[in-house]
C-alpha atoms as a PDB file:
ATOM      1  CA  MET A   1      -6.447  24.198   6.783  1.00  0.00           C
ATOM      2  CA  VAL A   2      -7.280  24.377   3.065  1.00  0.00           C
ATOM      3  CA  ASP A   3      -3.680  23.465   2.156  1.00  0.00           C
ATOM      4  CA  SER A   4      -3.687  20.477   4.492  1.00  0.00           C
ATOM      5  CA  MET A   5      -6.977  19.222   3.025  1.00  0.00           C
ATOM      6  CA  THR A   6      -5.531  19.510  -0.452  1.00  0.00           C
ATOM      7  CA  ALA A   7      -2.448  17.576   0.641  1.00  0.00           C
ATOM      8  CA  LEU A   8      -4.645  15.000   2.342  1.00  0.00           C
ATOM      9  CA  GLU A   9      -6.809  14.662  -0.773  1.00  0.00           C
ATOM     10  CA  ARG A  10      -3.682  14.192  -2.927  1.00  0.00           C
ATOM     11  CA  ARG A  11      -2.406  11.511  -0.556  1.00  0.00           C
ATOM     12  CA  VAL A  12      -5.750   9.696  -0.650  1.00  0.00           C
ATOM     13  CA  ALA A  13      -5.691   9.821  -4.470  1.00  0.00           C
ATOM     14  CA  ASP A  14      -2.128   8.424  -4.494  1.00  0.00           C
ATOM     15  CA  LEU A  15      -3.089   5.586  -2.173  1.00  0.00           C
ATOM     16  CA  THR A  16      -6.239   4.860  -4.177  1.00  0.00           C
ATOM     17  CA  ALA A  17      -4.219   4.575  -7.404  1.00  0.00           C
ATOM     18  CA  GLU A  18      -1.658   2.343  -5.699  1.00  0.00           C
ATOM     19  CA  ASN A  19      -4.412   0.186  -4.210  1.00  0.00           C
ATOM     20  CA  GLU A  20      -6.042  -0.205  -7.637  1.00  0.00           C
ATOM     21  CA  GLU A  21      -2.727  -1.297  -9.130  1.00  0.00           C
ATOM     22  CA  LEU A  22      -2.073  -3.801  -6.342  1.00  0.00           C
ATOM     23  CA  ARG A  23      -5.575  -5.267  -6.658  1.00  0.00           C
ATOM     24  CA  GLU A  24      -4.964  -5.840 -10.383  1.00  0.00           C
ATOM     25  CA  ARG A  25      -1.698  -7.613  -9.646  1.00  0.00           C
ATOM     26  CA  LEU A  26      -3.261  -9.753  -6.935  1.00  0.00           C
ATOM     27  CA  ALA A  27      -5.997 -10.738  -9.351  1.00  0.00           C
ATOM     28  CA  GLY A  28      -3.292 -12.072 -11.652  1.00  0.00           C
ATOM     29  CA  HIS A  29      -3.522  -9.236 -14.124  1.00  0.00           C
ATOM     30  CA  ASP A  30      -0.516  -6.926 -14.135  1.00  0.00           C
ATOM     31  CA  GLY A  31      -1.442  -5.176 -17.388  1.00  0.00           C
ATOM     32  CA  ARG A  32       0.792  -7.221 -19.680  1.00  0.00           C
ATOM     33  CA  ASN A  33      -2.205  -8.947 -21.245  1.00  0.00           C
ATOM     34  CA  THR A  34      -3.424  -6.283 -23.633  1.00  0.00           C
ATOM     35  CA  GLY A  35      -5.788  -8.446 -25.669  1.00  0.00           C
ATOM     36  CA  ASP A  36      -9.016  -7.707 -23.800  1.00  0.00           C
ATOM     37  CA  MET A  37      -9.493  -4.184 -25.177  1.00  0.00           C
ATOM     38  CA  GLU A  38      -9.609  -3.976 -28.926  1.00  0.00           C
ATOM     39  CA  PHE A  39      -9.345  -0.479 -30.321  1.00  0.00           C
ATOM     40  CA  PRO A  40     -10.552   0.409 -33.829  1.00  0.00           C
ATOM     41  CA  VAL A  41      -7.947  -0.255 -36.516  1.00  0.00           C
ATOM     42  CA  GLU A  42      -8.414   3.251 -37.912  1.00  0.00           C
ATOM     43  CA  TRP A  43      -6.969   4.647 -34.670  1.00  0.00           C
ATOM     44  CA  ARG A  44      -3.643   3.131 -35.809  1.00  0.00           C
ATOM     45  CA  LEU A  45      -2.343   2.367 -32.326  1.00  0.00           C
ATOM     46  CA  SER A  46       0.763   0.234 -32.119  1.00  0.00           C
ATOM     47  CA  PRO A  47       0.618  -2.695 -29.651  1.00  0.00           C
ATOM     48  CA  THR A  48       2.681  -0.641 -27.195  1.00  0.00           C
ATOM     49  CA  GLU A  49       0.423   2.404 -27.567  1.00  0.00           C
ATOM     50  CA  ALA A  50      -2.639   0.175 -27.110  1.00  0.00           C
ATOM     51  CA  ALA A  51      -1.151  -1.229 -23.876  1.00  0.00           C
ATOM     52  CA  ILE A  52      -0.495   2.291 -22.559  1.00  0.00           C
ATOM     53  CA  PHE A  53      -3.947   3.513 -23.588  1.00  0.00           C
ATOM     54  CA  GLN A  54      -5.586   0.528 -21.916  1.00  0.00           C
ATOM     55  CA  ALA A  55      -3.663   1.207 -18.699  1.00  0.00           C
ATOM     56  CA  LEU A  56      -4.752   4.856 -18.785  1.00  0.00           C
ATOM     57  CA  ILE A  57      -8.388   3.847 -19.269  1.00  0.00           C
ATOM     58  CA  ARG A  58      -8.298   1.306 -16.440  1.00  0.00           C
ATOM     59  CA  ARG A  59      -6.441   3.420 -13.903  1.00  0.00           C
ATOM     60  CA  GLU A  60      -7.373   6.776 -12.526  1.00  0.00           C
ATOM     61  CA  ARG A  61      -3.702   7.735 -12.658  1.00  0.00           C
ATOM     62  CA  LEU A  62      -0.764   5.906 -14.191  1.00  0.00           C
ATOM     63  CA  ARG A  63       2.555   6.082 -12.373  1.00  0.00           C
ATOM     64  CA  ARG A  64       5.674   6.437 -14.469  1.00  0.00           C
ATOM     65  CA  GLU A  65       7.193   3.433 -12.663  1.00  0.00           C
ATOM     66  CA  SER A  66       4.071   1.354 -13.301  1.00  0.00           C
ATOM     67  CA  LEU A  67       4.207   2.125 -17.003  1.00  0.00           C
ATOM     68  CA  TRP A  68       7.877   1.155 -17.092  1.00  0.00           C
ATOM     69  CA  ASP A  69       7.090  -2.142 -15.361  1.00  0.00           C
ATOM     70  CA  LEU A  70       4.157  -2.754 -17.702  1.00  0.00           C
ATOM     71  CA  LEU A  71       6.253  -2.305 -20.829  1.00  0.00           C
ATOM     72  CA  TYR A  72       9.753  -3.392 -19.832  1.00  0.00           C
ATOM     73  CA  GLY A  73       9.615  -5.004 -16.387  1.00  0.00           C
ATOM     74  CA  ASP A  74      10.332  -8.483 -17.681  1.00  0.00           C
ATOM     75  CA  ARG A  75      13.288  -7.584 -19.909  1.00  0.00           C
ATOM     76  CA  GLN A  76      16.634  -9.056 -18.939  1.00  0.00           C
ATOM     77  CA  ASP A  77      18.557  -6.160 -20.497  1.00  0.00           C
ATOM     78  CA  GLY A  78      16.746  -3.593 -18.345  1.00  0.00           C
ATOM     79  CA  GLY A  79      14.891  -2.069 -21.294  1.00  0.00           C
ATOM     80  CA  PRO A  80      15.574   1.123 -23.225  1.00  0.00           C
ATOM     81  CA  GLU A  81      16.376   4.556 -21.815  1.00  0.00           C
ATOM     82  CA  PRO A  82      13.656   5.864 -19.454  1.00  0.00           C
ATOM     83  CA  LYS A  83      13.050   8.848 -21.770  1.00  0.00           C
ATOM     84  CA  ILE A  84      11.278   6.423 -24.125  1.00  0.00           C
ATOM     85  CA  LEU A  85       8.168   6.734 -21.937  1.00  0.00           C
ATOM     86  CA  ASP A  86       7.927  10.433 -22.805  1.00  0.00           C
ATOM     87  CA  VAL A  87       8.282   9.632 -26.502  1.00  0.00           C
ATOM     88  CA  LEU A  88       5.593   6.945 -26.324  1.00  0.00           C
ATOM     89  CA  ILE A  89       3.177   9.258 -24.487  1.00  0.00           C
ATOM     90  CA  PHE A  90       3.913  12.055 -26.996  1.00  0.00           C
ATOM     91  CA  ASN A  91       3.051   9.762 -29.917  1.00  0.00           C
ATOM     92  CA  LEU A  92      -0.057   8.404 -28.203  1.00  0.00           C
ATOM     93  CA  ARG A  93      -1.228  11.947 -27.358  1.00  0.00           C
ATOM     94  CA  ARG A  94      -0.897  12.947 -30.992  1.00  0.00           C
ATOM     95  CA  LYS A  95      -3.032  10.011 -32.126  1.00  0.00           C
ATOM     96  CA  VAL A  96      -5.789  10.205 -29.499  1.00  0.00           C
ATOM     97  CA  SER A  97      -6.057  13.998 -29.638  1.00  0.00           C
ATOM     98  CA  LYS A  98      -7.640  13.488 -33.082  1.00  0.00           C
ATOM     99  CA  LEU A  99     -10.401  11.629 -31.219  1.00  0.00           C
ATOM    100  CA  GLY A 100     -10.815  14.493 -28.757  1.00  0.00           C
ATOM    101  CA  VAL A 101      -9.075  12.558 -25.953  1.00  0.00           C
ATOM    102  CA  THR A 102      -6.627  14.370 -23.683  1.00  0.00           C
ATOM    103  CA  ILE A 103      -3.745  12.751 -21.796  1.00  0.00           C
ATOM    104  CA  LEU A 104      -2.675  14.970 -18.915  1.00  0.00           C
ATOM    105  CA  THR A 105       0.729  14.975 -17.215  1.00  0.00           C
ATOM    106  CA  ILE A 106       0.841  14.779 -13.426  1.00  0.00           C
ATOM    107  CA  HIS A 107       4.167  16.410 -12.560  1.00  0.00           C
ATOM    108  CA  GLY A 108       6.412  14.089 -10.568  1.00  0.00           C
ATOM    109  CA  PHE A 109       3.961  11.188 -10.875  1.00  0.00           C
ATOM    110  CA  GLY A 110       2.924  10.165 -14.384  1.00  0.00           C
ATOM    111  CA  TRP A 111      -0.200  10.636 -16.483  1.00  0.00           C
ATOM    112  CA  ARG A 112      -3.970  10.459 -16.481  1.00  0.00           C
ATOM    113  CA  LEU A 113      -6.809  10.856 -18.909  1.00  0.00           C
ATOM    114  CA  ASP A 114      -9.155  13.807 -18.721  1.00  0.00           C
ATOM    115  CA  ALA A 115     -11.994  12.630 -16.446  1.00  0.00           C
ATOM    116  CA  GLY A 116     -14.695  13.046 -19.082  1.00  0.00           C
ATOM    117  CA  ASP A 117     -12.606  11.279 -21.699  1.00  0.00           C
ATOM    118  CA  ARG A 118     -11.893   8.408 -19.325  1.00  0.00           C
ATOM    119  CA  ALA A 119     -15.585   8.006 -18.502  1.00  0.00           C
ATOM    120  CA  TRP A 120     -16.463   7.920 -22.214  1.00  0.00           C
ATOM    121  CA  LEU A 121     -13.713   5.393 -22.955  1.00  0.00           C
ATOM    122  CA  ARG A 122     -14.627   3.156 -19.996  1.00  0.00           C
ATOM    123  CA  GLU A 123     -18.197   3.099 -21.278  1.00  0.00           C
ATOM    124  CA  ARG A 124     -17.083   2.293 -24.805  1.00  0.00           C
ATOM    125  CA  PHE A 125     -14.458  -0.299 -23.753  1.00  0.00           C
ATOM    126  CA  PRO A 126     -15.709  -1.969 -20.554  1.00  0.00           C
ATOM    127  CA  LYS A 127     -13.333  -4.294 -18.697  1.00  0.00           C
END
């Protein structure tokens, strides 16, 4: 019974994340507009890193496919190799770890911020 509850809880979390993403898209905001969160210059985030960081702050969990669509979904050439997402997350982790922020990997899914870090960031950078 404990295993089935855990599986059920994971499924609910997956559906909640998907619902959040779909609501954003229906509202006309698919994440491509990155101008509404301005991070301090001293953080030295590139525009791409800022877009990823904003998506992580806004979403409880960020699917790998959603990140791909956010960054490269409108490219006619299909975008770079998929491994670029890992490189971008690696670089972003290195920068935000200096701020005490942790980006966690969700195996087979994508990434999320540590819950406490996300709460702090959402307070500091409200929508």
